[in-house]
Amino acid sequence: MDSKKQIIGTYKSIGNWHRFRLRLFAEGILTGVFAGLVISLFRWSLSEAEAGRAHLYEQLALCKWPWSAAWFAALVILGLILYRLTKLEPMAAGSGIPQVKGALLGLMKMRWFSVMWVKLVAGVLGIGAGLSLGREGPSIQLGAVAAQGVSRLLGRTRMEERYLMTSGASAGLAAAFNAPLAGVIFALEELHRNFSIMVLLPSMAAAMTATVISRALFGRASIFAIPDLQLLPLNYYGIVVLVALFAGAAGVIFNKGLLNIGRFYSLPPFKSQAHKIIFALLSAGALGYFLPQVLGGGNELINHLAQTPVSLQLLLCFLAGKLLFTLVSYGCGVPGGFFLPMLVIGALSGSICANILIQLQVIEPLYAANIMVVAMAALFSSSVRAPITGTVLIMEMTSSYQQLLSLAIASMVAFVIAELCQSKPIYEELLNRMLQKDKPAPDTLEQRNVIELAVCSGSPVANKLIKDIPWPHNTLLVDVKRGEQQIVPTGDTRLLPGDFIYVLTENEHIEILQAMAGSGE
């Protein structure tokens, strides 16, 4: 569909909101089915690969050294395969969340089927081999490209495709973690930056549908098995703040490590990406013998921490190993996210705090698991800058619904710590670096699109006449929605907080317009 047809199609959709909303809802369900099946296949494949890896290391420990040498040779071959896959589809490398953000902004272009199969195959191979990467980032990208496939097969406009991609990302996180509410909130808070009914409706439909499929195949159990999680007494909330301060600082350090791991991989031994991947895999091979707990995503390590007392020395060893190996794994560029490893690092930070506080007789051992859960939410909020998502995600993943207040307090405190340290949101910064490194050719992207923006209270455009607003060059205000009322904009139309405006603009102006409306950071 060329640009002119895209714009005409978008105008038709804007002109019939009732029908458009119902169509988005139906397409959200379709997206949820497609994304749920793809991500369930990904989850099952990873589960089998990780179980096979654990069994392999048990057998290698009983065998003579030639078998171990053969395994390390296999890791080298696997590294070369992963290198070829990442070269074949560069947009499938890494977490995938920055790529989805870039595609939603019109700054990147994803070939949906190519990204899907490369992400799925390479993700299973890399994480299955032991790299400290998670399934959530790939699941979000898989959900987004599944939605993009639905849009392309149905011949939808780019504006509608953005709604569906947000819905697919929502379904991806929901199916990966059995967390439908967190999936919706993450997609809206972190990716789309907009809570309008036009994106909320299909996102909820997709997330709930994908969760139904996931639970039908894997059961209703939460991802983390934390038995007998107690309700924290009010006099422990000061401890929650202290733990959040520590975890928030850990999140800042984690971000700095991720953003600077490229300096390590710029050393002379790493002459190509193949060398980086092989180094990471060989490191995983060595750790499989000496510290297997830090391999893979790490959700089993969190379950272990919640159910079995661990010494402070071992906790520190786990934390150092998981942190360093996550940086090494993510820096090599293999498809896989750091979302789950980040939560593991948060859990280890919280367990260390709990261990020290118990030794000092500040808290009862009964509440050690609470401190761990609080630290997970805090570190996530500090790193990603999505405190609502962090609160709801940890609540759903641990089935600790009675912990809402303590999780929310910890998330907000950690958010403030990250702000004070001037630490940038990790996914946004990774996207900026990708755009600086690999600027797409102008002719490979759609140049103009209609976007939806929410006018926020106190924003530069709120309470101003349209003619008095300094719009970017080649920008046209197409429509204004005020509640259920549709307003044809003129120069004398005054924009009010709560309005949703639809703007035809060049992609390079999208972030500027988001900031003007108050929906960007």
Protein backbone atom coordinates (compact mmCIF):
# COMPACT_ATOMS: atom_id res chain seq x y z
CA MET A 1 0.00 0.00 0.00
CA ASP A 2 1.62 3.24 -1.11
CA SER A 3 1.76 6.42 0.96
CA LYS A 4 -1.27 8.10 -0.65
CA LYS A 5 -3.47 5.03 -0.14
CA GLN A 6 -2.19 4.76 3.43
CA ILE A 7 -3.31 8.30 4.22
CA ILE A 8 -6.70 7.85 2.51
CA GLY A 9 -7.27 4.61 4.41
CA THR A 10 -6.34 6.31 7.68
CA TYR A 11 -8.80 9.15 7.02
CA LYS A 12 -11.57 6.61 6.42
CA SER A 13 -10.79 4.89 9.72
CA ILE A 14 -10.78 8.20 11.60
CA GLY A 15 -14.12 9.10 10.02
CA ASN A 16 -15.91 6.04 11.51
CA TRP A 17 -14.63 5.60 15.05
CA HIS A 18 -17.30 3.19 16.27
CA ARG A 19 -16.69 0.67 13.51
CA PHE A 20 -12.92 1.17 13.72
CA ARG A 21 -12.87 0.38 17.46
CA LEU A 22 -14.87 -2.80 17.00
CA ARG A 23 -12.56 -3.87 14.18
CA LEU A 24 -9.50 -3.25 16.35
CA PHE A 25 -11.03 -5.34 19.12
CA ALA A 26 -11.60 -8.26 16.75
CA GLU A 27 -8.12 -7.90 15.28
CA GLY A 28 -6.71 -7.81 18.82
CA ILE A 29 -8.23 -11.23 19.47
CA LEU A 30 -6.81 -12.54 16.19
CA THR A 31 -3.41 -11.10 17.09
CA GLY A 32 -3.61 -12.71 20.53
CA VAL A 33 -4.28 -16.13 19.00
CA PHE A 34 -1.38 -15.89 16.55
CA ALA A 35 1.05 -14.39 19.09
CA GLY A 36 -0.06 -16.81 21.82
CA LEU A 37 0.66 -19.85 19.65
CA VAL A 38 4.05 -18.55 18.49
CA ILE A 39 5.19 -17.62 21.99
CA SER A 40 3.90 -20.86 23.47
CA LEU A 41 6.06 -22.70 20.94
CA PHE A 42 8.99 -20.51 22.03
CA ARG A 43 8.33 -21.20 25.74
CA TRP A 44 8.05 -24.95 25.20
CA SER A 45 11.20 -25.09 23.07
CA LEU A 46 13.17 -23.13 25.68
CA SER A 47 11.90 -25.35 28.48
CA GLU A 48 13.01 -28.48 26.63
CA ALA A 49 16.38 -26.97 25.71
CA GLU A 50 17.12 -25.87 29.29
CA ALA A 51 16.09 -29.26 30.70
CA GLY A 52 18.35 -30.93 28.15
CA ARG A 53 21.23 -28.63 29.10
CA ALA A 54 20.90 -29.47 32.80
CA HIS A 55 20.89 -33.20 32.03
CA LEU A 56 23.89 -32.79 29.72
CA TYR A 57 26.04 -31.19 32.42
CA GLU A 58 25.07 -33.92 34.86
CA GLN A 59 26.33 -36.51 32.39
CA LEU A 60 29.48 -34.57 31.47
CA ALA A 61 30.45 -34.44 35.14
CA LEU A 62 30.56 -38.25 35.11
CA CYS A 63 32.40 -38.61 31.79
CA LYS A 64 36.06 -38.31 30.85
CA TRP A 65 37.57 -35.11 29.44
CA PRO A 66 37.20 -35.95 25.70
CA TRP A 67 33.43 -35.62 26.06
CA SER A 68 33.85 -32.17 27.59
CA ALA A 69 36.19 -31.21 24.77
CA ALA A 70 33.57 -32.34 22.26
CA TRP A 71 30.95 -30.19 24.03
CA PHE A 72 33.16 -27.09 23.82
CA ALA A 73 33.77 -27.81 20.13
CA ALA A 74 29.99 -28.02 19.68
CA LEU A 75 29.64 -24.62 21.38
CA VAL A 76 32.07 -23.13 18.86
CA ILE A 77 30.02 -24.54 15.98
CA LEU A 78 26.85 -23.25 17.62
CA GLY A 79 28.47 -19.81 17.88
CA LEU A 80 29.11 -19.79 14.15
CA ILE A 81 25.48 -20.77 13.47
CA LEU A 82 24.21 -17.97 15.70
CA TYR A 83 26.55 -15.54 13.97
CA ARG A 84 25.09 -16.48 10.58
CA LEU A 85 21.55 -16.09 11.88
CA THR A 86 22.21 -12.63 13.31
CA LYS A 87 23.84 -11.56 10.03
CA LEU A 88 20.86 -12.91 8.12
CA GLU A 89 18.38 -10.81 10.15
CA PRO A 90 20.06 -8.02 12.19
CA MET A 91 16.68 -6.78 13.48
CA ALA A 92 16.31 -10.04 15.43
CA ALA A 93 19.48 -9.43 17.48
CA GLY A 94 19.44 -8.56 21.15
CA SER A 95 16.34 -8.00 23.25
CA GLY A 96 14.00 -6.88 20.48
CA ILE A 97 12.18 -4.31 22.62
CA PRO A 98 14.22 -1.33 21.27
CA GLN A 99 13.47 -2.55 17.75
CA VAL A 100 9.74 -2.64 18.51
CA LYS A 101 9.92 0.89 19.93
CA GLY A 102 11.75 2.04 16.80
CA ALA A 103 9.17 0.41 14.51
CA LEU A 104 6.31 2.06 16.42
CA LEU A 105 8.01 5.42 15.94
CA GLY A 106 8.46 4.75 12.24
CA LEU A 107 12.23 4.87 12.63
CA MET A 108 12.88 1.18 11.92
CA LYS A 109 11.48 -1.40 9.57
CA MET A 110 11.00 -5.06 10.50
CA ARG A 111 10.44 -7.89 8.04
CA TRP A 112 7.94 -9.71 10.18
CA PHE A 113 8.36 -13.31 8.99
CA SER A 114 12.15 -13.14 8.78
CA VAL A 115 12.43 -11.62 12.26
CA MET A 116 9.98 -14.18 13.64
CA TRP A 117 11.73 -17.36 12.60
CA VAL A 118 15.27 -16.08 13.23
CA LYS A 119 14.30 -14.78 16.68
CA LEU A 120 12.63 -18.04 17.60
CA VAL A 121 15.39 -20.36 16.38
CA ALA A 122 18.36 -18.26 17.53
CA GLY A 123 16.72 -17.49 20.87
CA VAL A 124 16.20 -21.17 21.64
CA LEU A 125 19.76 -22.05 20.59
CA GLY A 126 21.45 -19.23 22.54
CA ILE A 127 19.43 -19.40 25.75
CA GLY A 128 19.28 -23.18 25.57
CA ALA A 129 23.08 -23.31 25.37
CA GLY A 130 23.25 -21.38 28.65
CA LEU A 131 23.59 -17.69 27.79
CA SER A 132 22.19 -15.50 30.57
CA LEU A 133 19.32 -14.13 28.52
CA GLY A 134 15.56 -14.11 29.01
CA ARG A 135 12.56 -15.03 26.91
CA GLU A 136 10.53 -11.87 27.61
CA GLY A 137 12.25 -9.47 25.18
CA PRO A 138 12.11 -12.00 22.33
CA SER A 139 8.50 -12.79 23.26
CA ILE A 140 7.56 -9.11 23.04
CA GLN A 141 9.21 -8.80 19.63
CA LEU A 142 7.67 -12.08 18.47
CA GLY A 143 4.26 -10.79 19.52
CA ALA A 144 4.84 -7.49 17.72
CA VAL A 145 5.93 -9.12 14.44
CA ALA A 146 3.04 -11.60 14.69
CA ALA A 147 0.73 -8.58 14.87
CA GLN A 148 2.59 -6.97 11.98
CA GLY A 149 1.97 -10.14 9.98
CA VAL A 150 -1.76 -9.95 10.76
CA SER A 151 -1.80 -6.31 9.66
CA ARG A 152 0.06 -6.99 6.42
CA LEU A 153 -2.10 -10.00 5.55
CA LEU A 154 -5.25 -7.93 6.12
CA GLY A 155 -3.84 -4.91 4.24
CA ARG A 156 -4.21 -2.46 7.15
CA THR A 157 -2.88 1.10 7.31
CA ARG A 158 0.32 1.99 9.19
CA MET A 159 -1.65 3.74 11.95
CA GLU A 160 -3.74 0.62 12.50
CA GLU A 161 -0.61 -1.51 12.30
CA ARG A 162 0.92 0.46 15.16
CA TYR A 163 -2.12 -0.28 17.32
CA LEU A 164 -1.87 -3.98 16.44
CA MET A 165 1.89 -4.13 17.06
CA THR A 166 1.37 -2.65 20.51
CA SER A 167 -1.31 -5.28 21.04
CA GLY A 168 1.06 -8.01 19.88
CA ALA A 169 3.77 -6.82 22.24
CA SER A 170 1.21 -6.88 25.05
CA ALA A 171 0.29 -10.45 24.12
CA GLY A 172 3.98 -11.38 24.01
CA LEU A 173 4.73 -10.42 27.59
CA ALA A 174 1.40 -11.79 28.80
CA ALA A 175 2.00 -15.23 27.25
CA ALA A 176 5.66 -15.34 28.31
CA PHE A 177 4.96 -14.71 32.00
CA ASN A 178 1.27 -15.59 32.50
CA ALA A 179 0.83 -11.90 33.33
CA PRO A 180 -1.94 -10.33 31.21
CA LEU A 181 -2.26 -7.06 33.16
CA ALA A 182 1.49 -6.48 33.14
CA GLY A 183 1.54 -7.20 29.41
CA VAL A 184 -1.07 -4.52 28.74
CA ILE A 185 0.51 -1.94 31.04
CA PHE A 186 4.04 -2.52 29.71
CA ALA A 187 2.89 -2.10 26.11
CA LEU A 188 1.09 1.14 26.95
CA GLU A 189 3.51 2.62 29.50
CA GLU A 190 6.80 1.72 27.83
CA LEU A 191 6.08 1.17 24.12
CA HIS A 192 3.08 3.17 22.91
CA ARG A 193 3.17 5.87 25.64
CA ASN A 194 -0.59 6.32 25.20
CA PHE A 195 -3.59 4.98 27.13
CA SER A 196 -6.33 5.83 24.61
CA ILE A 197 -9.22 3.42 24.09
CA MET A 198 -7.98 2.84 20.53
CA VAL A 199 -4.86 1.10 21.79
CA LEU A 200 -6.16 -0.12 25.16
CA LEU A 201 -9.02 -2.16 23.67
CA PRO A 202 -7.01 -4.31 21.22
CA SER A 203 -4.11 -4.61 23.68
CA MET A 204 -6.37 -6.04 26.36
CA ALA A 205 -8.05 -8.36 23.86
CA ALA A 206 -4.69 -9.64 22.61
CA ALA A 207 -3.16 -10.06 26.09
CA MET A 208 -6.14 -11.93 27.51
CA THR A 209 -6.42 -14.18 24.45
CA ALA A 210 -2.69 -15.02 24.49
CA THR A 211 -2.85 -15.72 28.24
CA VAL A 212 -5.77 -18.12 27.77
CA ILE A 213 -3.73 -20.03 25.18
CA SER A 214 -0.63 -20.01 27.37
CA ARG A 215 -2.50 -21.23 30.44
CA ALA A 216 -4.27 -23.93 28.44
CA LEU A 217 -0.87 -25.30 27.40
CA PHE A 218 1.28 -24.63 30.49
CA GLY A 219 -1.20 -24.37 33.35
CA ARG A 220 -2.26 -21.50 35.61
CA ALA A 221 0.73 -21.52 37.95
CA SER A 222 2.69 -18.27 38.34
CA ILE A 223 6.21 -18.11 36.90
CA PHE A 224 7.85 -17.78 40.31
CA ALA A 225 6.96 -20.33 43.00
CA ILE A 226 7.20 -18.38 46.27
CA PRO A 227 5.20 -20.26 48.93
CA ASP A 228 3.68 -18.66 52.03
CA LEU A 229 4.49 -15.06 51.11
CA GLN A 230 3.42 -13.04 54.14
CA LEU A 231 1.74 -9.65 54.33
CA LEU A 232 4.35 -7.13 55.45
CA PRO A 233 3.52 -5.31 58.71
CA LEU A 234 3.28 -1.52 58.45
CA ASN A 235 6.34 -1.05 60.65
CA TYR A 236 8.41 -2.80 57.96
CA TYR A 237 7.71 -0.14 55.34
CA GLY A 238 10.77 1.82 56.37
CA ILE A 239 12.77 -1.33 55.54
CA VAL A 240 11.01 -1.42 52.15
CA VAL A 241 12.29 2.09 51.43
CA LEU A 242 15.86 1.14 52.40
CA VAL A 243 15.79 -1.98 50.22
CA ALA A 244 14.37 0.07 47.34
CA LEU A 245 17.24 2.54 47.71
CA PHE A 246 19.76 -0.29 47.43
CA ALA A 247 17.95 -2.01 44.54
CA GLY A 248 17.45 1.32 42.75
CA ALA A 249 21.19 1.97 42.91
CA ALA A 250 21.80 -1.58 41.66
CA GLY A 251 19.52 -0.81 38.70
CA VAL A 252 21.61 2.25 37.84
CA ILE A 253 24.77 0.14 37.95
CA PHE A 254 23.12 -2.54 35.82
CA ASN A 255 22.19 0.02 33.16
CA LYS A 256 25.70 1.45 33.09
CA GLY A 257 27.09 -2.05 32.66
CA LEU A 258 24.77 -2.86 29.75
CA LEU A 259 25.48 0.42 28.00
CA ASN A 260 29.24 0.06 28.36
CA ILE A 261 29.77 -3.65 27.70
CA GLY A 262 30.69 -2.64 24.15
CA ARG A 263 33.97 -1.31 25.51
CA PHE A 264 34.89 -4.81 26.65
CA TYR A 265 33.96 -6.30 23.30
CA SER A 266 36.00 -3.65 21.50
CA LEU A 267 39.22 -5.22 22.85
CA PRO A 268 41.61 -6.70 20.22
CA PRO A 269 40.67 -10.41 20.74
CA PHE A 270 37.13 -9.72 19.50
CA LYS A 271 37.77 -8.96 15.85
CA SER A 272 34.25 -9.87 14.71
CA GLN A 273 30.85 -10.60 16.18
CA ALA A 274 31.50 -14.32 15.70
CA HIS A 275 34.37 -14.06 18.21
CA LYS A 276 32.06 -12.32 20.70
CA ILE A 277 29.38 -15.00 20.43
CA ILE A 278 31.88 -17.86 20.69
CA PHE A 279 33.48 -16.24 23.76
CA ALA A 280 30.08 -15.90 25.46
CA LEU A 281 29.18 -19.52 24.68
CA LEU A 282 32.53 -20.85 25.90
CA SER A 283 32.05 -18.83 29.09
CA ALA A 284 28.65 -20.50 29.48
CA GLY A 285 30.33 -23.86 28.98
CA ALA A 286 32.84 -23.19 31.77
CA LEU A 287 30.18 -21.84 34.13
CA GLY A 288 28.09 -24.95 33.52
CA TYR A 289 30.67 -26.92 35.50
CA PHE A 290 31.35 -24.43 38.30
CA LEU A 291 28.34 -22.10 38.64
CA PRO A 292 25.39 -23.54 36.67
CA GLN A 293 22.88 -21.45 38.66
CA VAL A 294 23.73 -18.34 36.61
CA LEU A 295 23.03 -19.95 33.24
CA GLY A 296 19.87 -19.24 31.25
CA GLY A 297 17.09 -16.88 32.30
CA GLY A 298 17.26 -17.75 35.97
CA ASN A 299 13.67 -18.21 37.15
CA GLU A 300 14.64 -21.48 38.86
CA LEU A 301 17.28 -19.59 40.84
CA ILE A 302 14.58 -17.23 42.14
CA ASN A 303 12.46 -20.21 43.19
CA HIS A 304 15.49 -21.68 44.95
CA LEU A 305 16.18 -18.44 46.83
CA ALA A 306 12.56 -18.26 47.98
CA GLN A 307 12.48 -21.82 49.30
CA THR A 308 15.99 -22.56 50.57
CA PRO A 309 18.25 -20.50 52.87
CA VAL A 310 21.49 -19.47 51.12
CA SER A 311 24.60 -18.10 52.82
CA LEU A 312 25.63 -14.47 52.30
CA GLN A 313 28.90 -15.52 50.65
CA LEU A 314 27.09 -17.70 48.10
CA LEU A 315 24.54 -14.96 47.42
CA LEU A 316 27.34 -12.51 46.65
CA CYS A 317 28.94 -15.11 44.37
CA PHE A 318 25.62 -15.64 42.55
CA LEU A 319 25.09 -11.89 42.19
CA ALA A 320 28.55 -11.22 40.78
CA GLY A 321 28.32 -14.21 38.43
CA LYS A 322 24.82 -13.41 37.18
CA LEU A 323 25.54 -9.71 36.68
CA LEU A 324 28.81 -10.19 34.80
CA PHE A 325 27.59 -13.10 32.71
CA THR A 326 24.39 -11.26 31.76
CA LEU A 327 26.48 -8.36 30.49
CA VAL A 328 28.72 -10.74 28.54
CA SER A 329 25.72 -12.61 27.11
CA TYR A 330 23.75 -9.55 26.06
CA GLY A 331 26.80 -7.74 24.68
CA CYS A 332 27.57 -10.50 22.19
CA GLY A 333 24.41 -9.64 20.22
CA VAL A 334 22.62 -13.00 20.25
CA PRO A 335 18.79 -12.81 20.21
CA GLY A 336 17.65 -12.77 23.83
CA GLY A 337 16.59 -10.26 26.45
CA PHE A 338 17.83 -9.13 29.84
CA PHE A 339 14.36 -8.66 31.35
CA LEU A 340 14.33 -11.95 33.31
CA PRO A 341 18.05 -11.86 34.25
CA MET A 342 17.41 -8.32 35.53
CA LEU A 343 14.68 -9.65 37.81
CA VAL A 344 17.06 -12.38 39.01
CA ILE A 345 19.66 -9.74 39.85
CA GLY A 346 16.96 -7.85 41.74
CA ALA A 347 16.02 -11.02 43.64
CA LEU A 348 19.67 -11.65 44.55
CA SER A 349 20.05 -8.03 45.70
CA GLY A 350 16.96 -8.38 47.85
CA SER A 351 18.14 -11.70 49.30
CA ILE A 352 21.45 -10.12 50.26
CA CYS A 353 19.60 -7.28 51.99
CA ALA A 354 17.33 -9.76 53.77
CA ASN A 355 20.29 -11.90 54.88
CA ILE A 356 22.06 -8.90 56.39
CA LEU A 357 18.90 -7.58 58.05
CA ILE A 358 18.16 -10.99 59.57
CA GLN A 359 21.69 -11.25 60.95
CA LEU A 360 21.29 -7.78 62.46
CA GLN A 361 17.92 -8.93 63.88
CA VAL A 362 16.13 -6.06 62.15
CA ILE A 363 13.56 -8.32 60.44
CA GLU A 364 12.16 -11.78 61.09
CA PRO A 365 13.33 -14.59 58.75
CA LEU A 366 9.66 -15.07 57.89
CA TYR A 367 9.76 -11.92 55.72
CA ALA A 368 12.94 -12.68 53.74
CA ALA A 369 10.93 -13.60 50.62
CA ASN A 370 9.03 -10.29 50.87
CA ILE A 371 12.27 -8.33 50.77
CA MET A 372 13.39 -10.31 47.72
CA VAL A 373 10.14 -9.59 45.86
CA VAL A 374 10.27 -5.88 46.76
CA ALA A 375 13.83 -5.61 45.41
CA MET A 376 12.79 -7.22 42.10
CA ALA A 377 10.15 -4.55 41.51
CA ALA A 378 12.53 -1.78 42.57
CA LEU A 379 15.39 -2.81 40.30
CA PHE A 380 13.03 -3.18 37.33
CA SER A 381 11.58 0.27 37.94
CA SER A 382 15.02 1.83 38.26
CA SER A 383 16.31 0.27 35.04
CA VAL A 384 13.27 0.50 32.75
CA ARG A 385 11.56 3.55 34.32
CA ALA A 386 8.18 1.86 34.20
CA PRO A 387 7.08 1.78 37.87
CA ILE A 388 3.47 0.81 37.16
CA THR A 389 4.59 -2.12 35.02
CA GLY A 390 7.15 -3.14 37.65
CA THR A 391 4.55 -3.18 40.40
CA VAL A 392 1.92 -5.13 38.45
CA LEU A 393 4.42 -7.49 36.80
CA ILE A 394 6.00 -8.69 40.05
CA MET A 395 2.59 -8.92 41.67
CA GLU A 396 1.33 -11.21 38.89
CA MET A 397 4.54 -13.24 38.51
CA THR A 398 4.64 -14.06 42.24
CA SER A 399 0.86 -14.19 42.81
CA SER A 400 1.48 -11.77 45.69
CA TYR A 401 -1.55 -9.55 45.21
CA GLN A 402 -1.55 -8.51 48.86
CA GLN A 403 1.90 -6.95 48.34
CA LEU A 404 0.59 -4.19 46.05
CA LEU A 405 1.33 -1.31 48.44
CA SER A 406 4.87 -2.36 49.33
CA LEU A 407 5.70 -3.08 45.65
CA ALA A 408 4.34 0.31 44.57
CA ILE A 409 6.33 2.15 47.26
CA ALA A 410 9.52 0.32 46.28
CA SER A 411 8.98 1.01 42.57
CA MET A 412 8.46 4.72 43.11
CA VAL A 413 11.46 5.08 45.45
CA ALA A 414 13.70 3.28 42.93
CA PHE A 415 12.34 5.46 40.12
CA VAL A 416 13.30 8.58 42.08
CA ILE A 417 16.79 7.17 42.74
CA ALA A 418 17.32 6.59 39.02
CA GLU A 419 16.12 10.14 38.30
CA LEU A 420 18.50 11.60 40.87
CA CYS A 421 21.38 9.59 39.37
CA GLN A 422 20.34 10.82 35.89
CA SER A 423 20.25 7.24 34.67
CA LYS A 424 18.43 6.97 31.34
CA PRO A 425 15.64 4.41 30.68
CA ILE A 426 17.47 1.39 29.37
CA TYR A 427 15.29 0.50 26.37
CA GLU A 428 15.08 4.10 25.22
CA GLU A 429 18.84 4.54 25.45
CA LEU A 430 19.48 1.27 23.60
CA LEU A 431 17.16 2.46 20.82
CA ASN A 432 18.99 5.78 20.56
CA ARG A 433 22.32 3.99 20.27
CA MET A 434 21.00 1.65 17.60
CA LEU A 435 19.72 4.60 15.58
CA GLN A 436 23.05 6.41 15.90
CA LYS A 437 24.99 3.32 14.87
CA ASP A 438 22.80 2.11 12.02
CA LYS A 439 20.79 4.96 10.55
CA PRO A 440 18.27 3.51 8.09
CA ALA A 441 18.32 4.75 4.53
CA PRO A 442 15.54 7.33 3.98
CA ASP A 443 14.01 5.35 1.12
CA THR A 444 13.57 2.19 3.24
CA LEU A 445 10.93 3.68 5.57
CA GLU A 446 7.53 5.26 5.32
CA GLN A 447 8.18 9.01 5.37
CA ARG A 448 4.79 10.31 6.58
CA ASN A 449 2.23 8.74 8.88
CA VAL A 450 -0.81 9.67 10.92
CA ILE A 451 -0.12 9.29 14.62
CA GLU A 452 -2.30 9.55 17.73
CA LEU A 453 -1.21 11.80 20.61
CA ALA A 454 -2.77 12.44 24.01
CA VAL A 455 -2.78 16.09 25.13
CA CYS A 456 -1.56 16.08 28.73
CA SER A 457 -2.24 18.71 31.35
CA GLY A 458 0.59 21.27 31.43
CA SER A 459 1.95 20.25 28.03
CA PRO A 460 3.11 22.96 25.56
CA VAL A 461 -0.03 22.50 23.42
CA ALA A 462 -2.64 22.30 26.19
CA ASN A 463 -5.16 25.16 26.32
CA LYS A 464 -3.71 26.76 23.17
CA LEU A 465 -5.32 27.60 19.85
CA ILE A 466 -4.11 25.38 17.02
CA LYS A 467 -2.93 28.41 15.02
CA ASP A 468 -0.71 29.54 17.94
CA ILE A 469 1.15 26.23 18.26
CA PRO A 470 4.60 26.05 16.57
CA TRP A 471 4.03 22.76 14.71
CA PRO A 472 7.03 21.09 13.05
CA HIS A 473 7.47 21.56 9.30
CA ASN A 474 5.15 19.47 7.05
CA THR A 475 2.76 18.62 9.91
CA LEU A 476 -1.03 18.66 9.58
CA LEU A 477 -3.56 18.25 12.40
CA VAL A 478 -6.18 15.91 10.94
CA ASP A 479 -8.69 15.28 13.73
CA VAL A 480 -9.43 15.97 17.41
CA LYS A 481 -11.29 13.53 19.68
CA ARG A 482 -12.78 14.93 22.90
CA GLY A 483 -14.50 12.09 24.73
CA GLU A 484 -17.02 10.71 22.24
CA GLN A 485 -17.09 14.04 20.39
CA GLN A 486 -15.21 14.33 17.09
CA ILE A 487 -14.01 17.84 16.23
CA VAL A 488 -12.91 19.02 12.79
CA PRO A 489 -9.89 21.18 13.69
CA THR A 490 -9.55 24.80 12.59
CA GLY A 491 -7.02 27.45 13.52
CA ASP A 492 -9.35 28.72 16.27
CA THR A 493 -9.87 25.30 17.87
CA ARG A 494 -8.45 25.22 21.39
CA LEU A 495 -6.77 21.95 22.46
CA LEU A 496 -7.71 20.83 25.96
CA PRO A 497 -6.03 18.34 28.33
CA GLY A 498 -7.47 14.91 27.67
CA ASP A 499 -7.97 15.50 23.94
CA PHE A 500 -6.64 12.92 21.51
CA ILE A 501 -5.23 14.49 18.36
CA TYR A 502 -4.39 12.80 15.06
CA VAL A 503 -1.48 14.33 13.20
CA LEU A 504 -0.09 13.68 9.73
CA THR A 505 3.65 14.20 10.00
CA GLU A 506 7.06 13.03 8.94
CA ASN A 507 8.49 10.20 11.04
CA GLU A 508 11.43 12.30 12.16
CA HIS A 509 9.00 14.64 13.94
CA ILE A 510 7.15 11.97 15.95
CA GLU A 511 9.24 12.25 19.11
CA ILE A 512 9.09 16.07 18.96
CA LEU A 513 5.29 15.92 18.74
CA GLN A 514 5.11 13.40 21.61
CA ALA A 515 7.08 15.82 23.77
CA MET A 516 4.87 18.74 22.72
CA ALA A 517 1.71 16.84 23.66
CA GLY A 518 3.30 15.71 26.90
CA SER A 519 3.24 11.99 26.06
CA GLY A 520 7.01 11.64 25.68
CA GLU A 521 9.77 11.97 28.26
